[in-house]
C-alpha atoms as a PDB file:
ATOM      1  CA  MET A   1      -9.503  42.676  44.472  1.00  0.00           C
ATOM      2  CA  THR A   2     -11.371  43.141  41.151  1.00  0.00           C
ATOM      3  CA  GLU A   3      -9.584  42.399  37.689  1.00  0.00           C
ATOM      4  CA  LYS A   4     -10.847  43.163  34.564  1.00  0.00           C
ATOM      5  CA  LYS A   5      -9.981  41.318  31.562  1.00  0.00           C
ATOM      6  CA  TYR A   6      -7.233  42.576  28.561  1.00  0.00           C
ATOM      7  CA  SER A   7      -5.424  40.554  25.660  1.00  0.00           C
ATOM      8  CA  THR A   8      -2.138  42.509  26.718  1.00  0.00           C
ATOM      9  CA  ILE A   9      -2.121  44.305  29.596  1.00  0.00           C
ATOM     10  CA  ILE A  10      -3.366  42.742  33.180  1.00  0.00           C
ATOM     11  CA  TYR A  11      -6.005  45.347  36.020  1.00  0.00           C
ATOM     12  CA  LYS A  12      -6.403  44.542  39.149  1.00  0.00           C
ATOM     13  CA  LYS A  13      -8.070  46.866  41.352  1.00  0.00           C
ATOM     14  CA  GLY A  14      -7.755  46.537  45.446  1.00  0.00           C
ATOM     15  CA  SER A  15      -8.236  48.786  48.231  1.00  0.00           C
ATOM     16  CA  GLN A  16      -7.396  52.722  46.902  1.00  0.00           C
ATOM     17  CA  ARG A  17      -4.878  50.975  44.478  1.00  0.00           C
ATOM     18  CA  ALA A  18      -4.832  49.862  41.141  1.00  0.00           C
ATOM     19  CA  PHE A  19      -2.107  47.636  39.612  1.00  0.00           C
ATOM     20  CA  ILE A  20      -1.158  47.375  35.824  1.00  0.00           C
ATOM     21  CA  ALA A  21       0.598  44.459  34.060  1.00  0.00           C
ATOM     22  CA  LEU A  22       2.269  44.557  30.718  1.00  0.00           C
ATOM     23  CA  ASN A  23       1.297  41.586  29.609  1.00  0.00           C
ATOM     24  CA  ARG A  24       2.972  40.327  26.848  1.00  0.00           C
ATOM     25  CA  THR A  25       5.717  37.824  28.067  1.00  0.00           C
ATOM     26  CA  GLU A  26       6.831  35.902  25.082  1.00  0.00           C
ATOM     27  CA  VAL A  27       8.207  39.342  23.594  1.00  0.00           C
ATOM     28  CA  HIS A  28       9.322  40.314  26.925  1.00  0.00           C
ATOM     29  CA  ASN A  29       6.366  42.511  27.150  1.00  0.00           C
ATOM     30  CA  ALA A  30       7.119  45.051  24.071  1.00  0.00           C
ATOM     31  CA  PHE A  31       4.048  47.060  23.143  1.00  0.00           C
ATOM     32  CA  ASN A  32       2.020  47.343  20.089  1.00  0.00           C
ATOM     33  CA  SER A  33      -0.985  49.133  18.800  1.00  0.00           C
ATOM     34  CA  THR A  34      -3.643  46.523  20.963  1.00  0.00           C
ATOM     35  CA  MET A  35      -1.321  47.716  23.677  1.00  0.00           C
ATOM     36  CA  ILE A  36      -1.286  50.843  23.038  1.00  0.00           C
ATOM     37  CA  SER A  37      -5.245  50.924  23.079  1.00  0.00           C
ATOM     38  CA  GLU A  38      -5.919  48.468  26.050  1.00  0.00           C
ATOM     39  CA  MET A  39      -3.342  51.514  28.674  1.00  0.00           C
ATOM     40  CA  LEU A  40      -5.447  54.088  27.203  1.00  0.00           C
ATOM     41  CA  ASP A  41      -8.358  52.530  28.497  1.00  0.00           C
ATOM     42  CA  VAL A  42      -7.591  51.507  31.787  1.00  0.00           C
ATOM     43  CA  PHE A  43      -5.382  55.223  32.484  1.00  0.00           C
ATOM     44  CA  ARG A  44      -8.546  56.446  31.274  1.00  0.00           C
ATOM     45  CA  GLU A  45     -11.028  54.607  33.727  1.00  0.00           C
ATOM     46  CA  ILE A  46      -8.420  54.828  36.908  1.00  0.00           C
ATOM     47  CA  ARG A  47      -8.106  58.601  36.181  1.00  0.00           C
ATOM     48  CA  ASP A  48     -11.859  58.616  36.887  1.00  0.00           C
ATOM     49  CA  ASP A  49     -11.906  56.286  39.183  1.00  0.00           C
ATOM     50  CA  ALA A  50     -12.581  57.945  42.678  1.00  0.00           C
ATOM     51  CA  SER A  51     -12.154  54.383  45.083  1.00  0.00           C
ATOM     52  CA  VAL A  52      -8.128  54.801  43.448  1.00  0.00           C
ATOM     53  CA  ARG A  53      -6.226  56.614  44.751  1.00  0.00           C
ATOM     54  CA  VAL A  54      -1.937  54.811  43.832  1.00  0.00           C
ATOM     55  CA  ILE A  55      -1.500  53.699  40.575  1.00  0.00           C
ATOM     56  CA  VAL A  56       1.182  50.311  39.968  1.00  0.00           C
ATOM     57  CA  LEU A  57       2.677  50.360  37.258  1.00  0.00           C
ATOM     58  CA  THR A  58       4.897  46.910  36.436  1.00  0.00           C
ATOM     59  CA  GLY A  59       5.657  44.203  33.455  1.00  0.00           C
ATOM     60  CA  LYS A  60       5.465  40.396  33.889  1.00  0.00           C
ATOM     61  CA  GLY A  61       7.914  38.290  33.577  1.00  0.00           C
ATOM     62  CA  LYS A  62      11.268  38.560  32.863  1.00  0.00           C
ATOM     63  CA  SER A  63      11.168  42.104  31.599  1.00  0.00           C
ATOM     64  CA  PHE A  64       9.452  45.624  32.139  1.00  0.00           C
ATOM     65  CA  CYS A  65       9.203  46.680  28.347  1.00  0.00           C
ATOM     66  CA  ALA A  66      11.120  45.648  25.622  1.00  0.00           C
ATOM     67  CA  GLY A  67       9.951  48.660  23.485  1.00  0.00           C
ATOM     68  CA  ALA A  68       8.417  48.663  20.423  1.00  0.00           C
ATOM     69  CA  ASP A  69       6.962  44.963  19.389  1.00  0.00           C
ATOM     70  CA  LEU A  70       9.232  44.178  16.018  1.00  0.00           C
ATOM     71  CA  ASN A  71       6.534  42.564  14.270  1.00  0.00           C
ATOM     72  CA  TRP A  72       4.552  45.798  14.565  1.00  0.00           C
ATOM     73  CA  MET A  73       7.478  47.237  13.145  1.00  0.00           C
ATOM     74  CA  ARG A  74       7.381  45.053  10.222  1.00  0.00           C
ATOM     75  CA  GLU A  75       4.682  46.614   9.655  1.00  0.00           C
ATOM     76  CA  ILE A  76       4.483  49.881  10.022  1.00  0.00           C
ATOM     77  CA  ILE A  77       7.567  50.448   7.829  1.00  0.00           C
ATOM     78  CA  HIS A  78       4.888  49.998   5.115  1.00  0.00           C
ATOM     79  CA  TYR A  79       2.259  52.311   6.362  1.00  0.00           C
ATOM     80  CA  SER A  80       1.516  55.623   4.895  1.00  0.00           C
ATOM     81  CA  TYR A  81       2.917  59.084   6.758  1.00  0.00           C
ATOM     82  CA  ASP A  82      -0.421  59.348   8.209  1.00  0.00           C
ATOM     83  CA  ARG A  83      -1.029  55.972   9.478  1.00  0.00           C
ATOM     84  CA  ASN A  84       2.278  56.003  11.015  1.00  0.00           C
ATOM     85  CA  LEU A  85       1.104  59.597  12.021  1.00  0.00           C
ATOM     86  CA  LYS A  86      -2.050  58.621  13.596  1.00  0.00           C
ATOM     87  CA  GLU A  87      -0.109  55.251  15.670  1.00  0.00           C
ATOM     88  CA  SER A  88       2.877  57.703  17.237  1.00  0.00           C
ATOM     89  CA  LEU A  89      -0.060  60.266  17.829  1.00  0.00           C
ATOM     90  CA  GLU A  90      -1.665  57.247  19.520  1.00  0.00           C
ATOM     91  CA  ILE A  91       1.716  56.773  21.803  1.00  0.00           C
ATOM     92  CA  ALA A  92       2.149  60.249  22.514  1.00  0.00           C
ATOM     93  CA  GLU A  93      -1.175  60.332  23.934  1.00  0.00           C
ATOM     94  CA  LEU A  94      -0.945  57.218  26.103  1.00  0.00           C
ATOM     95  CA  LEU A  95       2.087  58.488  27.894  1.00  0.00           C
ATOM     96  CA  HIS A  96       0.654  62.431  28.046  1.00  0.00           C
ATOM     97  CA  THR A  97      -2.326  60.304  30.065  1.00  0.00           C
ATOM     98  CA  ILE A  98       0.023  58.539  31.966  1.00  0.00           C
ATOM     99  CA  TYR A  99       2.036  61.985  32.977  1.00  0.00           C
ATOM    100  CA  SER A 100      -1.033  63.765  33.606  1.00  0.00           C
ATOM    101  CA  VAL A 101      -3.094  61.649  35.757  1.00  0.00           C
ATOM    102  CA  PRO A 102      -4.326  62.972  38.708  1.00  0.00           C
ATOM    103  CA  LYS A 103      -2.975  60.448  40.822  1.00  0.00           C
ATOM    104  CA  PRO A 104       0.618  59.237  41.970  1.00  0.00           C
ATOM    105  CA  THR A 105       2.152  56.628  39.544  1.00  0.00           C
ATOM    106  CA  ILE A 106       4.817  54.263  40.377  1.00  0.00           C
ATOM    107  CA  ALA A 107       7.003  52.751  38.220  1.00  0.00           C
ATOM    108  CA  ARG A 108       7.615  49.064  39.519  1.00  0.00           C
ATOM    109  CA  VAL A 109      10.631  47.957  37.323  1.00  0.00           C
ATOM    110  CA  ASN A 110      11.184  44.024  37.326  1.00  0.00           C
ATOM    111  CA  GLY A 111      13.308  44.012  34.147  1.00  0.00           C
ATOM    112  CA  THR A 112      14.960  45.295  30.957  1.00  0.00           C
ATOM    113  CA  ALA A 113      13.134  48.507  29.743  1.00  0.00           C
ATOM    114  CA  ILE A 114      14.197  49.704  26.372  1.00  0.00           C
ATOM    115  CA  GLY A 115      12.753  52.875  23.917  1.00  0.00           C
ATOM    116  CA  GLY A 116       9.291  53.586  24.927  1.00  0.00           C
ATOM    117  CA  GLY A 117       9.796  51.195  28.054  1.00  0.00           C
ATOM    118  CA  VAL A 118      11.601  53.706  28.887  1.00  0.00           C
ATOM    119  CA  GLY A 119       9.246  56.039  28.037  1.00  0.00           C
ATOM    120  CA  PHE A 120       6.455  54.937  30.312  1.00  0.00           C
ATOM    121  CA  LEU A 121       8.148  55.062  33.403  1.00  0.00           C
ATOM    122  CA  SER A 122       9.296  58.500  32.624  1.00  0.00           C
ATOM    123  CA  ALA A 123       6.345  59.247  32.606  1.00  0.00           C
ATOM    124  CA  CYS A 124       5.361  58.145  35.604  1.00  0.00           C
ATOM    125  CA  ASP A 125       6.143  59.522  39.141  1.00  0.00           C
ATOM    126  CA  ILE A 126       7.771  57.421  41.181  1.00  0.00           C
ATOM    127  CA  VAL A 127      10.220  54.485  39.452  1.00  0.00           C
ATOM    128  CA  ILE A 128      11.492  51.791  41.783  1.00  0.00           C
ATOM    129  CA  ALA A 129      13.931  49.273  40.113  1.00  0.00           C
ATOM    130  CA  ALA A 130      15.348  46.460  40.778  1.00  0.00           C
ATOM    131  CA  SER A 131      18.989  46.188  41.171  1.00  0.00           C
ATOM    132  CA  THR A 132      19.175  44.302  37.956  1.00  0.00           C
ATOM    133  CA  ALA A 133      16.970  46.250  35.149  1.00  0.00           C
ATOM    134  CA  LYS A 134      18.942  47.451  32.926  1.00  0.00           C
ATOM    135  CA  PHE A 135      18.042  50.428  30.305  1.00  0.00           C
ATOM    136  CA  GLY A 136      18.385  51.563  26.955  1.00  0.00           C
ATOM    137  CA  LEU A 137      17.472  54.382  24.541  1.00  0.00           C
ATOM    138  CA  SER A 138      18.853  52.782  21.959  1.00  0.00           C
ATOM    139  CA  GLU A 139      16.431  54.236  18.840  1.00  0.00           C
ATOM    140  CA  VAL A 140      19.695  55.721  16.822  1.00  0.00           C
ATOM    141  CA  LYS A 141      20.651  52.186  16.226  1.00  0.00           C
ATOM    142  CA  ILE A 142      18.195  51.767  13.799  1.00  0.00           C
ATOM    143  CA  GLY A 143      17.923  54.871  12.546  1.00  0.00           C
ATOM    144  CA  LEU A 144      15.302  56.314  14.435  1.00  0.00           C
ATOM    145  CA  ILE A 145      14.823  58.346  17.440  1.00  0.00           C
ATOM    146  CA  PRO A 146      13.320  58.026  20.712  1.00  0.00           C
ATOM    147  CA  ALA A 147      10.337  61.060  19.371  1.00  0.00           C
ATOM    148  CA  ALA A 148       7.442  60.159  21.537  1.00  0.00           C
ATOM    149  CA  ILE A 149       9.059  59.479  25.161  1.00  0.00           C
ATOM    150  CA  SER A 150      11.488  61.895  24.554  1.00  0.00           C
ATOM    151  CA  PRO A 151       9.693  65.422  26.497  1.00  0.00           C
ATOM    152  CA  TYR A 152       9.056  62.905  29.383  1.00  0.00           C
ATOM    153  CA  VAL A 153      13.079  61.412  29.743  1.00  0.00           C
ATOM    154  CA  VAL A 154      13.924  65.106  28.975  1.00  0.00           C
ATOM    155  CA  LYS A 155      12.220  66.324  32.477  1.00  0.00           C
ATOM    156  CA  ARG A 156      13.501  62.955  34.178  1.00  0.00           C
ATOM    157  CA  ILE A 157      17.285  63.032  33.548  1.00  0.00           C
ATOM    158  CA  GLY A 158      17.892  66.559  32.151  1.00  0.00           C
ATOM    159  CA  GLU A 159      19.297  67.920  28.564  1.00  0.00           C
ATOM    160  CA  SER A 160      22.396  66.578  29.209  1.00  0.00           C
ATOM    161  CA  LYS A 161      22.482  63.003  30.025  1.00  0.00           C
ATOM    162  CA  ALA A 162      19.293  63.003  27.172  1.00  0.00           C
ATOM    163  CA  ARG A 163      21.854  64.229  24.547  1.00  0.00           C
ATOM    164  CA  GLU A 164      24.283  60.808  25.946  1.00  0.00           C
ATOM    165  CA  TYR A 165      22.191  58.466  25.926  1.00  0.00           C
ATOM    166  CA  PHE A 166      19.880  59.846  22.988  1.00  0.00           C
ATOM    167  CA  LEU A 167      22.723  59.839  21.000  1.00  0.00           C
ATOM    168  CA  THR A 168      24.768  56.978  21.845  1.00  0.00           C
ATOM    169  CA  GLY A 169      21.929  54.572  22.349  1.00  0.00           C
ATOM    170  CA  GLU A 170      24.272  53.119  25.562  1.00  0.00           C
ATOM    171  CA  ARG A 171      22.689  50.904  27.649  1.00  0.00           C
ATOM    172  CA  ILE A 172      21.967  52.233  31.298  1.00  0.00           C
ATOM    173  CA  SER A 173      22.720  49.869  34.857  1.00  0.00           C
ATOM    174  CA  ALA A 174      20.202  50.459  37.599  1.00  0.00           C
ATOM    175  CA  GLU A 175      22.920  51.815  39.637  1.00  0.00           C
ATOM    176  CA  ARG A 176      23.551  54.113  36.904  1.00  0.00           C
ATOM    177  CA  GLY A 177      19.823  55.146  36.364  1.00  0.00           C
ATOM    178  CA  GLU A 178      19.483  56.303  40.234  1.00  0.00           C
ATOM    179  CA  LYS A 179      22.582  58.609  40.027  1.00  0.00           C
ATOM    180  CA  ILE A 180      20.934  60.698  36.559  1.00  0.00           C
ATOM    181  CA  GLY A 181      17.792  60.405  37.526  1.00  0.00           C
ATOM    182  CA  LEU A 182      16.102  58.077  35.567  1.00  0.00           C
ATOM    183  CA  VAL A 183      15.488  55.778  38.702  1.00  0.00           C
ATOM    184  CA  ASN A 184      14.600  56.717  42.357  1.00  0.00           C
ATOM    185  CA  HIS A 185      15.137  53.856  44.086  1.00  0.00           C
ATOM    186  CA  VAL A 186      17.528  50.698  43.534  1.00  0.00           C
ATOM    187  CA  CYS A 187      16.639  47.540  45.675  1.00  0.00           C
ATOM    188  CA  PRO A 188      16.753  43.632  45.324  1.00  0.00           C
ATOM    189  CA  TYR A 189      14.457  41.677  43.535  1.00  0.00           C
ATOM    190  CA  GLU A 190      13.451  40.244  46.203  1.00  0.00           C
ATOM    191  CA  GLY A 191      12.469  43.722  48.221  1.00  0.00           C
ATOM    192  CA  LEU A 192      10.728  45.017  44.533  1.00  0.00           C
ATOM    193  CA  ASP A 193       7.121  43.738  46.088  1.00  0.00           C
ATOM    194  CA  ARG A 194       8.236  45.812  49.403  1.00  0.00           C
ATOM    195  CA  GLU A 195       9.847  48.609  48.576  1.00  0.00           C
ATOM    196  CA  VAL A 196       6.958  49.138  46.215  1.00  0.00           C
ATOM    197  CA  GLU A 197       4.309  48.886  48.797  1.00  0.00           C
ATOM    198  CA  ASN A 198       6.045  51.020  51.228  1.00  0.00           C
ATOM    199  CA  THR A 199       6.169  53.682  48.859  1.00  0.00           C
ATOM    200  CA  VAL A 200       2.333  52.891  48.529  1.00  0.00           C
ATOM    201  CA  ASP A 201       1.183  53.135  51.997  1.00  0.00           C
ATOM    202  CA  ARG A 202       3.882  56.388  52.321  1.00  0.00           C
ATOM    203  CA  LEU A 203       1.380  57.793  49.046  1.00  0.00           C
ATOM    204  CA  LEU A 204      -2.324  56.722  50.805  1.00  0.00           C
ATOM    205  CA  SER A 205      -1.313  58.876  53.854  1.00  0.00           C
ATOM    206  CA  SER A 206      -1.208  61.900  51.672  1.00  0.00           C
ATOM    207  CA  GLY A 207      -4.483  63.865  51.405  1.00  0.00           C
ATOM    208  CA  PRO A 208      -6.042  62.636  47.585  1.00  0.00           C
ATOM    209  CA  ASP A 209      -6.991  66.151  46.796  1.00  0.00           C
ATOM    210  CA  ALA A 210      -3.629  67.436  47.575  1.00  0.00           C
ATOM    211  CA  MET A 211      -1.763  64.796  45.736  1.00  0.00           C
ATOM    212  CA  ALA A 212      -3.659  65.784  42.609  1.00  0.00           C
ATOM    213  CA  SER A 213      -3.327  69.236  43.399  1.00  0.00           C
ATOM    214  CA  CYS A 214       1.151  68.330  43.748  1.00  0.00           C
ATOM    215  CA  LYS A 215       0.544  67.070  40.068  1.00  0.00           C
ATOM    216  CA  GLU A 216      -1.089  70.101  38.802  1.00  0.00           C
ATOM    217  CA  LEU A 217       1.363  72.443  40.106  1.00  0.00           C
ATOM    218  CA  LEU A 218       4.276  70.327  38.973  1.00  0.00           C
ATOM    219  CA  PHE A 219       2.788  70.314  35.590  1.00  0.00           C
ATOM    220  CA  LYS A 220       2.261  73.903  35.550  1.00  0.00           C
ATOM    221  CA  VAL A 221       4.502  76.115  37.460  1.00  0.00           C
ATOM    222  CA  PRO A 222       7.250  75.089  34.816  1.00  0.00           C
ATOM    223  CA  GLN A 223       5.436  76.445  31.947  1.00  0.00           C
ATOM    224  CA  ILE A 224       4.247  79.781  33.291  1.00  0.00           C
ATOM    225  CA  SER A 225       6.565  82.766  34.089  1.00  0.00           C
ATOM    226  CA  LEU A 226       7.349  83.739  37.969  1.00  0.00           C
ATOM    227  CA  GLU A 227       4.720  86.809  37.937  1.00  0.00           C
ATOM    228  CA  GLU A 228       2.123  83.917  36.683  1.00  0.00           C
ATOM    229  CA  ALA A 229       3.337  81.870  39.652  1.00  0.00           C
ATOM    230  CA  ARG A 230       2.777  84.318  42.189  1.00  0.00           C
ATOM    231  CA  GLU A 231      -0.810  85.060  42.098  1.00  0.00           C
ATOM    232  CA  TYR A 232      -1.790  81.003  40.468  1.00  0.00           C
ATOM    233  CA  THR A 233       0.152  79.509  43.935  1.00  0.00           C
ATOM    234  CA  ALA A 234      -1.476  81.881  45.988  1.00  0.00           C
ATOM    235  CA  ARG A 235      -4.754  81.176  45.109  1.00  0.00           C
ATOM    236  CA  MET A 236      -4.394  77.306  44.767  1.00  0.00           C
ATOM    237  CA  ILE A 237      -3.089  77.328  48.610  1.00  0.00           C
ATOM    238  CA  ALA A 238      -6.040  79.247  49.773  1.00  0.00           C
ATOM    239  CA  ASN A 239      -8.251  77.454  47.669  1.00  0.00           C
ATOM    240  CA  LEU A 240      -6.876  74.005  49.831  1.00  0.00           C
ATOM    241  CA  ARG A 241      -7.382  75.783  53.244  1.00  0.00           C
ATOM    242  CA  ILE A 242     -10.731  76.146  53.124  1.00  0.00           C
ATOM    243  CA  SER A 243     -11.454  72.739  51.063  1.00  0.00           C
ATOM    244  CA  ASP A 244     -12.847  69.567  53.338  1.00  0.00           C
ATOM    245  CA  GLU A 245      -9.861  68.296  52.399  1.00  0.00           C
ATOM    246  CA  GLY A 246      -7.564  70.917  53.594  1.00  0.00           C
ATOM    247  CA  GLN A 247      -9.566  71.604  57.194  1.00  0.00           C
ATOM    248  CA  GLU A 248      -9.731  67.830  57.801  1.00  0.00           C
ATOM    249  CA  GLY A 249      -5.784  67.627  57.492  1.00  0.00           C
ATOM    250  CA  MET A 250      -4.973  70.865  59.513  1.00  0.00           C
ATOM    251  CA  ALA A 251      -7.562  70.020  62.240  1.00  0.00           C
ATOM    252  CA  ALA A 252      -6.198  66.388  62.568  1.00  0.00           C
ATOM    253  CA  PHE A 253      -2.504  67.303  63.030  1.00  0.00           C
ATOM    254  CA  LEU A 254      -3.365  69.818  65.529  1.00  0.00           C
ATOM    255  CA  GLU A 255      -5.931  67.511  67.417  1.00  0.00           C
ATOM    256  CA  LYS A 256      -2.475  64.653  66.988  1.00  0.00           C
ATOM    257  CA  ARG A 257      -5.120  61.838  65.491  1.00  0.00           C
ATOM    258  CA  LYS A 258      -5.165  60.615  61.935  1.00  0.00           C
ATOM    259  CA  PRO A 259      -6.653  62.150  58.999  1.00  0.00           C
ATOM    260  CA  ALA A 260     -10.277  60.678  57.650  1.00  0.00           C
ATOM    261  CA  TRP A 261      -8.485  59.403  54.473  1.00  0.00           C
ATOM    262  CA  MET A 262      -6.213  57.271  56.385  1.00  0.00           C
ATOM    263  CA  VAL A 263      -8.197  54.358  56.826  1.00  0.00           C
ATOM    264  CA  GLU A 264      -7.622  50.762  57.509  1.00  0.00           C
ATOM    265  CA  ASP A 265      -6.163  49.037  54.200  1.00  0.00           C
ATOM    266  CA  LYS A 266      -6.815  45.332  53.687  1.00  0.00           C
ATOM    267  CA  GLY A 267      -5.597  45.629  49.653  1.00  0.00           C
ATOM    268  CA  LYS A 268      -2.015  44.801  49.963  1.00  0.00           C
ATOM    269  CA  LYS A 269      -1.379  42.542  47.133  1.00  0.00           C
ATOM    270  CA  ASN A 270       0.436  43.182  44.373  1.00  0.00           C
ATOM    271  CA  VAL A 271       0.268  42.322  40.553  1.00  0.00           C
END
C-alpha cells in the first residue's frame, strides 16, 4: 500500500482502493483551511487515477470530524467579507468534488460527526457508522447556519428532517441517523472495518465505467425534465451496451463467468 504525506490527513492507496483519514486527533479532526486544501488535492488526484476504483473516507482516533476548528473560527470572525467568501467557496468546492467524483465513496464514520463533518459524509455515496457515533447540525446554536453543507444534507435526509435538525440543532444518534437516511448502515464499532470491507468488495464486483455512469445519472436526472431524461437515459444505456465494458459484462453473464474487472484483490487493508 502506497502513502502520500500530508499534514492534516492520511492518504493511502491499496489494490483498487483509496483510504483518506482525517488526522487532527487533538481537535477531534476538526477542519481548517489546510485540511480543506489537502482534501481537495487528494480527491482531485483520485478523480484522475484510473487505478483507484473505490474511496473510503474516515477519521483517526475517536471522532470522524468535529466540524470547523475553533482556533480557525477565532481567526475568520475577523476576516473581511471577501476573505470569508473565499474560505466558504473552498469548502463548497471540496464538498462538490467529493459528491461528484466519478467513483463510489464510502464514509466510514468511526465516531462523532458535527457540522461540516456531517457535510463530508453526506457528500459520500454510502455511509457506514459505528453504533456509538453521534451527529449534529448545531450551527444555529452559535448564530450560524449549515450553508455550504446544506445541498448535500438536504439531498440525503430530505427537506422535512433538514428543517427539524437545522433549526433545533438537536443531536442525532446512529440509530436515528439510519432511520432518517443520514446513515446507510449501522454496526458495532468492532465490526466497522468488516462492514466497510464487505461493501468495498460489492462495489469492486461492479463495472467501473458503469458505476461512474450511475453517478452521472444520479447527478443529472434530478436536474432535468422527464422529456429531457427520456432521450438522455436512452442514449446513455445505448452507449454503454456497445462499450467494451458493457460488451464484456454481458458476455460474462451469458457465459456464466466473472467479468475481466473482477481480478484477484490483495489490497484488503484499512487505514
